[in-house]
């Protein structure tokens, strides 16, 4: 097709386009200790071992990568919260405390954000939040996937 001196413009509606998957990467001071925590204590499935990084499946299309940090360097934890969303906050609390994991506080309702949640820390001190959105506007996993 010849443009004949005309500019052809393709209009794309970017508003409803979403990515296929998501990976958050954290750095560990000891990759083996952190990998054990995420796989054997939290029960996440390791889906890829890249040697210096291990990637764990958190949900259908959400992943957490844990990578060996620089020798002697402390991981940059400030401002990082990894939130794991589940309807079964109390069940996760019971399982993790039964395993002897240190939880920062019992599950509680946060009325400011309309969430029910609790916090714990991984071996490198990253803050993990186990949370349920109480707001009916939050998309369910099936709504998100069909997006």
N, C-alpha and C. Protein backbone atom coordinates (compact mmCIF):
# COMPACT_ATOMS: atom_id res chain seq x y z
N UNK A 1 0.85 -1.18 0.00
CA UNK A 1 0.00 0.00 0.00
C UNK A 1 0.89 1.23 0.00
N UNK A 2 0.65 2.10 -0.92
CA UNK A 2 1.46 3.31 -1.07
C UNK A 2 0.82 4.45 -0.30
N UNK A 3 1.61 5.17 0.49
CA UNK A 3 1.07 6.24 1.32
C UNK A 3 0.76 7.50 0.52
N UNK A 4 1.33 7.67 -0.69
CA UNK A 4 1.06 8.83 -1.54
C UNK A 4 1.24 10.15 -0.81
N UNK A 5 2.32 10.28 -0.09
CA UNK A 5 2.61 11.53 0.58
C UNK A 5 1.78 11.77 1.84
N UNK A 6 1.00 10.82 2.24
CA UNK A 6 0.17 10.98 3.45
C UNK A 6 0.87 10.33 4.63
N UNK A 7 0.65 10.88 5.77
CA UNK A 7 1.17 10.30 7.00
C UNK A 7 0.10 9.38 7.56
N UNK A 8 0.48 8.14 7.78
CA UNK A 8 -0.45 7.17 8.35
C UNK A 8 -0.22 7.14 9.85
N UNK A 9 -1.25 7.36 10.61
CA UNK A 9 -1.16 7.39 12.06
C UNK A 9 -1.96 6.22 12.62
N UNK A 10 -1.29 5.42 13.43
CA UNK A 10 -1.97 4.34 14.12
C UNK A 10 -2.31 4.82 15.52
N UNK A 11 -3.56 4.75 15.86
CA UNK A 11 -3.99 5.15 17.19
C UNK A 11 -4.09 3.91 18.07
N UNK A 12 -3.37 3.93 19.14
CA UNK A 12 -3.38 2.80 20.08
C UNK A 12 -3.92 3.30 21.41
N UNK A 13 -4.88 2.60 21.94
CA UNK A 13 -5.41 2.94 23.25
C UNK A 13 -4.54 2.26 24.30
N UNK A 14 -3.59 2.99 24.86
CA UNK A 14 -2.66 2.45 25.84
C UNK A 14 -3.28 2.32 27.22
N UNK A 15 -4.43 2.87 27.42
CA UNK A 15 -5.04 2.91 28.75
C UNK A 15 -5.31 1.53 29.32
N UNK A 16 -5.72 0.58 28.52
CA UNK A 16 -6.11 -0.73 29.04
C UNK A 16 -5.10 -1.83 28.76
N UNK A 17 -3.91 -1.45 28.34
CA UNK A 17 -2.88 -2.44 28.09
C UNK A 17 -2.15 -2.73 29.40
N UNK A 18 -1.99 -4.01 29.70
CA UNK A 18 -1.27 -4.41 30.91
C UNK A 18 -0.12 -5.33 30.53
N UNK A 19 0.85 -5.44 31.41
CA UNK A 19 1.96 -6.34 31.19
C UNK A 19 1.52 -7.78 31.43
N UNK A 20 2.28 -8.73 30.91
CA UNK A 20 1.94 -10.14 31.04
C UNK A 20 2.30 -10.70 32.41
N UNK A 21 3.44 -10.26 32.96
CA UNK A 21 3.91 -10.76 34.23
C UNK A 21 4.63 -9.64 34.98
N UNK A 22 4.95 -9.90 36.26
CA UNK A 22 5.64 -8.92 37.08
C UNK A 22 6.63 -9.64 37.97
N UNK A 23 7.85 -9.10 38.05
CA UNK A 23 8.88 -9.64 38.92
C UNK A 23 9.45 -8.50 39.76
N UNK A 24 9.51 -8.69 41.06
CA UNK A 24 10.18 -7.76 41.96
C UNK A 24 11.47 -8.43 42.41
N UNK A 25 12.59 -7.72 42.33
CA UNK A 25 13.86 -8.28 42.75
C UNK A 25 14.33 -7.67 44.06
N UNK A 26 14.82 -8.53 44.95
CA UNK A 26 15.42 -8.12 46.21
C UNK A 26 16.84 -8.66 46.25
N UNK A 27 17.72 -7.97 46.96
CA UNK A 27 19.09 -8.44 47.11
C UNK A 27 19.26 -9.07 48.49
N UNK A 28 19.99 -10.17 48.53
CA UNK A 28 20.20 -10.91 49.77
C UNK A 28 21.67 -10.88 50.16
N UNK A 29 21.92 -10.83 51.46
CA UNK A 29 23.29 -10.92 51.93
C UNK A 29 23.78 -12.37 51.86
N UNK A 30 22.83 -13.34 51.94
CA UNK A 30 23.16 -14.76 51.81
C UNK A 30 22.04 -15.40 50.99
N UNK A 31 22.30 -15.63 49.72
CA UNK A 31 21.27 -16.14 48.81
C UNK A 31 20.70 -17.46 49.28
N UNK A 32 21.53 -18.35 49.80
CA UNK A 32 21.04 -19.67 50.23
C UNK A 32 20.05 -19.55 51.39
N UNK A 33 20.35 -18.69 52.34
CA UNK A 33 19.45 -18.50 53.49
C UNK A 33 18.13 -17.90 53.02
N UNK A 34 18.20 -16.88 52.16
CA UNK A 34 16.97 -16.24 51.67
C UNK A 34 16.17 -17.18 50.79
N UNK A 35 16.84 -17.95 49.92
CA UNK A 35 16.13 -18.90 49.06
C UNK A 35 15.41 -19.95 49.91
N UNK A 36 16.07 -20.42 50.96
CA UNK A 36 15.44 -21.38 51.87
C UNK A 36 14.20 -20.77 52.52
N UNK A 37 14.30 -19.52 52.95
CA UNK A 37 13.17 -18.84 53.58
C UNK A 37 11.97 -18.79 52.63
N UNK A 38 12.17 -18.30 51.41
CA UNK A 38 11.05 -18.13 50.49
C UNK A 38 10.49 -19.47 49.99
N UNK A 39 11.37 -20.45 49.79
CA UNK A 39 10.90 -21.74 49.28
C UNK A 39 10.36 -22.65 50.39
N UNK A 40 11.12 -22.81 51.46
CA UNK A 40 10.75 -23.81 52.46
C UNK A 40 9.94 -23.27 53.63
N UNK A 41 10.02 -21.98 53.91
CA UNK A 41 9.22 -21.44 55.00
C UNK A 41 7.94 -20.78 54.49
N UNK A 42 8.06 -19.96 53.43
CA UNK A 42 6.84 -19.37 52.87
C UNK A 42 6.15 -20.31 51.88
N UNK A 43 6.89 -21.30 51.39
CA UNK A 43 6.29 -22.28 50.49
C UNK A 43 6.15 -21.82 49.05
N UNK A 44 6.93 -20.81 48.64
CA UNK A 44 6.85 -20.35 47.26
C UNK A 44 7.63 -21.31 46.36
N UNK A 45 7.12 -21.51 45.16
CA UNK A 45 7.75 -22.42 44.20
C UNK A 45 8.88 -21.68 43.47
N UNK A 46 10.08 -22.27 43.52
CA UNK A 46 11.18 -21.70 42.74
C UNK A 46 10.96 -22.10 41.29
N UNK A 47 10.89 -21.11 40.40
CA UNK A 47 10.63 -21.40 38.99
C UNK A 47 11.87 -21.24 38.12
N UNK A 48 12.91 -20.58 38.65
CA UNK A 48 14.12 -20.39 37.86
C UNK A 48 15.31 -20.16 38.79
N UNK A 49 16.38 -20.88 38.51
CA UNK A 49 17.63 -20.69 39.24
C UNK A 49 18.64 -20.15 38.24
N UNK A 50 19.03 -18.90 38.41
CA UNK A 50 19.98 -18.25 37.51
C UNK A 50 21.38 -18.20 38.11
N UNK A 51 21.61 -19.02 39.11
CA UNK A 51 22.91 -19.00 39.78
C UNK A 51 22.95 -17.93 40.85
N UNK A 52 23.13 -16.68 40.46
CA UNK A 52 23.19 -15.57 41.41
C UNK A 52 21.81 -15.04 41.79
N UNK A 53 20.77 -15.50 41.09
CA UNK A 53 19.38 -15.09 41.40
C UNK A 53 18.48 -16.32 41.37
N UNK A 54 17.51 -16.33 42.25
CA UNK A 54 16.47 -17.37 42.26
C UNK A 54 15.14 -16.64 42.12
N UNK A 55 14.27 -17.16 41.28
CA UNK A 55 12.97 -16.52 41.06
C UNK A 55 11.88 -17.46 41.54
N UNK A 56 10.99 -16.91 42.37
CA UNK A 56 9.91 -17.66 43.00
C UNK A 56 8.57 -17.14 42.50
N UNK A 57 7.63 -18.07 42.30
CA UNK A 57 6.28 -17.69 41.88
C UNK A 57 5.46 -17.33 43.11
N UNK A 58 4.90 -16.13 43.08
CA UNK A 58 4.09 -15.63 44.19
C UNK A 58 2.61 -15.82 43.88
N UNK A 59 2.23 -15.63 42.62
CA UNK A 59 0.86 -15.80 42.16
C UNK A 59 0.93 -16.26 40.71
N UNK A 60 -0.20 -16.35 40.06
CA UNK A 60 -0.23 -16.86 38.69
C UNK A 60 0.80 -16.16 37.80
N UNK A 61 0.86 -14.86 37.85
CA UNK A 61 1.75 -14.10 36.98
C UNK A 61 2.65 -13.13 37.74
N UNK A 62 2.79 -13.32 39.04
CA UNK A 62 3.63 -12.46 39.87
C UNK A 62 4.79 -13.25 40.46
N UNK A 63 5.98 -12.67 40.42
CA UNK A 63 7.18 -13.39 40.83
C UNK A 63 8.05 -12.51 41.73
N UNK A 64 8.86 -13.16 42.54
CA UNK A 64 9.82 -12.49 43.41
C UNK A 64 11.19 -13.08 43.11
N UNK A 65 12.11 -12.21 42.72
CA UNK A 65 13.47 -12.64 42.47
C UNK A 65 14.35 -12.27 43.65
N UNK A 66 15.18 -13.19 44.08
CA UNK A 66 16.12 -12.94 45.18
C UNK A 66 17.52 -13.16 44.61
N UNK A 67 18.35 -12.13 44.68
CA UNK A 67 19.68 -12.17 44.08
C UNK A 67 20.75 -11.95 45.13
N UNK A 68 21.88 -12.61 44.95
CA UNK A 68 23.02 -12.42 45.84
C UNK A 68 23.52 -10.98 45.70
N UNK A 69 23.58 -10.27 46.82
CA UNK A 69 24.08 -8.90 46.80
C UNK A 69 25.59 -8.88 46.70
N UNK A 70 26.10 -7.70 46.53
CA UNK A 70 27.56 -7.50 46.49
C UNK A 70 28.16 -7.99 47.80
N UNK A 71 29.35 -8.58 47.74
CA UNK A 71 30.03 -9.05 48.95
C UNK A 71 30.19 -7.91 49.95
N UNK A 72 29.68 -8.13 51.15
CA UNK A 72 29.83 -7.16 52.22
C UNK A 72 28.85 -6.01 52.19
N UNK A 73 28.09 -5.86 51.10
CA UNK A 73 27.13 -4.75 51.00
C UNK A 73 25.81 -5.15 51.67
N UNK A 74 25.28 -4.24 52.46
CA UNK A 74 23.98 -4.46 53.08
C UNK A 74 22.88 -4.22 52.04
N UNK A 75 21.86 -5.09 51.97
CA UNK A 75 20.75 -4.84 51.04
C UNK A 75 20.04 -3.53 51.38
N UNK A 76 19.59 -2.82 50.36
CA UNK A 76 18.86 -1.56 50.55
C UNK A 76 17.40 -1.88 50.84
N UNK A 77 17.04 -1.89 52.12
CA UNK A 77 15.70 -2.29 52.54
C UNK A 77 14.75 -1.11 52.72
N UNK A 78 15.28 0.07 52.91
CA UNK A 78 14.45 1.23 53.23
C UNK A 78 13.40 1.49 52.15
N UNK A 79 12.18 1.61 52.58
CA UNK A 79 11.09 1.96 51.68
C UNK A 79 10.54 0.78 50.89
N UNK A 80 11.04 -0.41 51.11
CA UNK A 80 10.57 -1.58 50.36
C UNK A 80 9.60 -2.38 51.23
N UNK A 81 8.42 -2.62 50.69
CA UNK A 81 7.46 -3.53 51.31
C UNK A 81 6.99 -4.48 50.22
N UNK A 82 7.16 -5.76 50.44
CA UNK A 82 6.64 -6.77 49.52
C UNK A 82 5.30 -7.22 50.10
N UNK A 83 4.24 -6.94 49.38
CA UNK A 83 2.90 -7.28 49.85
C UNK A 83 2.40 -8.53 49.13
N UNK A 84 2.02 -9.52 49.91
CA UNK A 84 1.47 -10.77 49.41
C UNK A 84 -0.02 -10.75 49.71
N UNK A 85 -0.84 -10.70 48.67
CA UNK A 85 -2.29 -10.53 48.83
C UNK A 85 -2.97 -11.89 48.87
N UNK A 86 -3.81 -12.08 49.87
CA UNK A 86 -4.56 -13.32 50.05
C UNK A 86 -5.86 -13.03 50.78
N UNK A 87 -6.86 -13.86 50.52
CA UNK A 87 -8.10 -13.76 51.29
C UNK A 87 -7.91 -14.37 52.67
N UNK A 88 -6.92 -15.26 52.83
CA UNK A 88 -6.74 -16.04 54.05
C UNK A 88 -5.61 -15.48 54.93
N UNK A 89 -5.73 -14.23 55.34
CA UNK A 89 -4.70 -13.60 56.18
C UNK A 89 -4.54 -14.36 57.49
N UNK A 90 -5.64 -14.71 58.13
CA UNK A 90 -5.56 -15.42 59.42
C UNK A 90 -4.91 -16.79 59.26
N UNK A 91 -5.24 -17.49 58.20
CA UNK A 91 -4.64 -18.80 57.95
C UNK A 91 -3.12 -18.70 57.77
N UNK A 92 -2.68 -17.69 57.02
CA UNK A 92 -1.24 -17.48 56.85
C UNK A 92 -0.59 -17.13 58.19
N UNK A 93 -1.24 -16.30 58.97
CA UNK A 93 -0.70 -15.94 60.29
C UNK A 93 -0.52 -17.19 61.16
N UNK A 94 -1.55 -18.04 61.18
CA UNK A 94 -1.48 -19.27 61.98
C UNK A 94 -0.37 -20.20 61.50
N UNK A 95 -0.26 -20.39 60.18
CA UNK A 95 0.79 -21.27 59.63
C UNK A 95 2.18 -20.76 59.96
N UNK A 96 2.40 -19.47 59.77
CA UNK A 96 3.74 -18.92 59.98
C UNK A 96 4.12 -18.89 61.46
N UNK A 97 3.18 -18.56 62.34
CA UNK A 97 3.49 -18.57 63.76
C UNK A 97 3.70 -20.00 64.26
N UNK A 98 2.96 -20.97 63.70
CA UNK A 98 3.14 -22.37 64.08
C UNK A 98 4.54 -22.87 63.68
N UNK A 99 5.11 -22.25 62.65
CA UNK A 99 6.47 -22.61 62.23
C UNK A 99 7.53 -21.89 63.06
N UNK A 100 7.06 -21.04 63.99
CA UNK A 100 7.99 -20.32 64.84
C UNK A 100 8.53 -19.03 64.24
N UNK A 101 7.90 -18.57 63.18
CA UNK A 101 8.37 -17.34 62.55
C UNK A 101 7.97 -16.15 63.41
N UNK A 102 8.82 -15.15 63.42
CA UNK A 102 8.57 -13.94 64.18
C UNK A 102 7.70 -12.99 63.37
N UNK A 103 6.52 -12.73 63.89
CA UNK A 103 5.57 -11.83 63.25
C UNK A 103 5.58 -10.52 64.05
N UNK A 104 5.55 -9.39 63.35
CA UNK A 104 5.66 -8.11 64.04
C UNK A 104 4.44 -7.76 64.87
N UNK A 105 3.25 -8.20 64.45
CA UNK A 105 2.02 -7.97 65.21
C UNK A 105 0.94 -8.88 64.65
N UNK A 106 -0.07 -9.16 65.45
CA UNK A 106 -1.19 -9.97 64.99
C UNK A 106 -1.92 -9.25 63.85
N UNK A 107 -2.66 -10.01 63.03
CA UNK A 107 -3.42 -9.37 61.96
C UNK A 107 -4.37 -8.31 62.52
N UNK A 108 -4.46 -7.22 61.79
CA UNK A 108 -5.30 -6.11 62.23
C UNK A 108 -5.93 -5.41 61.04
N UNK A 109 -7.06 -4.76 61.30
CA UNK A 109 -7.73 -3.96 60.28
C UNK A 109 -7.10 -2.57 60.28
N UNK A 110 -6.71 -2.12 59.11
CA UNK A 110 -6.20 -0.76 58.94
C UNK A 110 -7.30 0.03 58.26
N UNK A 111 -8.06 0.84 59.03
CA UNK A 111 -9.20 1.55 58.45
C UNK A 111 -8.80 2.64 57.44
N UNK A 112 -7.60 3.16 57.57
CA UNK A 112 -7.16 4.20 56.63
C UNK A 112 -7.14 3.67 55.20
N UNK A 113 -6.62 2.45 55.03
CA UNK A 113 -6.51 1.87 53.69
C UNK A 113 -7.52 0.75 53.44
N UNK A 114 -8.37 0.46 54.44
CA UNK A 114 -9.39 -0.57 54.33
C UNK A 114 -8.77 -1.92 53.95
N UNK A 115 -7.75 -2.30 54.73
CA UNK A 115 -7.07 -3.58 54.53
C UNK A 115 -6.98 -4.32 55.86
N UNK A 116 -6.82 -5.62 55.78
CA UNK A 116 -6.59 -6.47 56.94
C UNK A 116 -5.24 -7.11 56.70
N UNK A 117 -4.30 -6.99 57.66
CA UNK A 117 -2.93 -7.38 57.35
C UNK A 117 -2.07 -7.62 58.58
N UNK A 118 -0.88 -8.20 58.32
CA UNK A 118 0.18 -8.28 59.32
C UNK A 118 1.52 -8.23 58.59
N UNK A 119 2.58 -7.98 59.37
CA UNK A 119 3.92 -7.84 58.82
C UNK A 119 4.87 -8.87 59.42
N UNK A 120 5.85 -9.26 58.62
CA UNK A 120 6.98 -10.06 59.09
C UNK A 120 8.20 -9.62 58.29
N UNK A 121 9.36 -10.14 58.65
CA UNK A 121 10.59 -9.78 57.94
C UNK A 121 11.27 -11.03 57.40
N UNK A 122 11.90 -10.86 56.26
CA UNK A 122 12.67 -11.98 55.69
C UNK A 122 14.06 -11.97 56.32
N UNK A 123 14.93 -12.94 55.99
CA UNK A 123 16.24 -13.01 56.64
C UNK A 123 17.11 -11.77 56.47
N UNK A 124 16.87 -10.97 55.43
CA UNK A 124 17.64 -9.75 55.23
C UNK A 124 16.96 -8.51 55.78
N UNK A 125 15.84 -8.70 56.46
CA UNK A 125 15.16 -7.57 57.08
C UNK A 125 14.16 -6.87 56.19
N UNK A 126 13.90 -7.40 54.99
CA UNK A 126 12.87 -6.79 54.14
C UNK A 126 11.52 -6.98 54.81
N UNK A 127 10.69 -5.95 54.73
CA UNK A 127 9.36 -5.99 55.32
C UNK A 127 8.41 -6.69 54.36
N UNK A 128 7.78 -7.77 54.84
CA UNK A 128 6.78 -8.50 54.08
C UNK A 128 5.43 -8.25 54.72
N UNK A 129 4.45 -8.00 53.91
CA UNK A 129 3.09 -7.76 54.40
C UNK A 129 2.18 -8.82 53.80
N UNK A 130 1.41 -9.48 54.64
CA UNK A 130 0.37 -10.40 54.18
C UNK A 130 -0.94 -9.65 54.36
N UNK A 131 -1.67 -9.48 53.27
CA UNK A 131 -2.77 -8.51 53.28
C UNK A 131 -3.98 -8.98 52.49
N UNK A 132 -5.15 -8.53 52.96
CA UNK A 132 -6.40 -8.67 52.21
C UNK A 132 -6.98 -7.28 52.02
N UNK A 133 -7.37 -6.98 50.79
CA UNK A 133 -8.08 -5.73 50.54
C UNK A 133 -9.53 -5.92 50.94
N UNK A 134 -10.06 -5.04 51.76
CA UNK A 134 -11.46 -5.12 52.18
C UNK A 134 -12.35 -4.28 51.27
N UNK A 135 -11.75 -3.44 50.46
CA UNK A 135 -12.47 -2.57 49.54
C UNK A 135 -13.00 -3.40 48.37
N UNK A 136 -14.32 -3.40 48.15
CA UNK A 136 -14.88 -4.20 47.05
C UNK A 136 -14.41 -3.71 45.67
N UNK A 137 -13.82 -2.54 45.60
CA UNK A 137 -13.32 -2.03 44.32
C UNK A 137 -12.02 -2.73 43.90
N UNK A 138 -11.34 -3.42 44.84
CA UNK A 138 -10.10 -4.11 44.50
C UNK A 138 -10.43 -5.29 43.58
N UNK A 139 -9.74 -5.41 42.43
CA UNK A 139 -10.07 -6.50 41.50
C UNK A 139 -9.65 -7.85 42.04
N UNK A 140 -10.52 -8.84 41.89
CA UNK A 140 -10.17 -10.20 42.30
C UNK A 140 -9.14 -10.73 41.30
N UNK A 141 -8.40 -11.79 41.67
CA UNK A 141 -7.41 -12.33 40.72
C UNK A 141 -8.01 -12.70 39.37
N UNK A 142 -9.23 -13.23 39.34
CA UNK A 142 -9.83 -13.60 38.05
C UNK A 142 -10.21 -12.35 37.25
N UNK A 143 -10.64 -11.29 37.92
CA UNK A 143 -10.95 -10.05 37.22
C UNK A 143 -9.68 -9.44 36.65
N UNK A 144 -8.59 -9.48 37.42
CA UNK A 144 -7.33 -8.92 36.97
C UNK A 144 -6.82 -9.66 35.75
N UNK A 145 -6.92 -10.99 35.76
CA UNK A 145 -6.40 -11.80 34.66
C UNK A 145 -7.17 -11.57 33.37
N UNK A 146 -8.46 -11.33 33.48
CA UNK A 146 -9.26 -11.14 32.28
C UNK A 146 -9.17 -9.73 31.76
N UNK A 147 -8.67 -8.80 32.60
CA UNK A 147 -8.40 -7.43 32.42
C UNK A 147 -8.70 -6.69 31.26
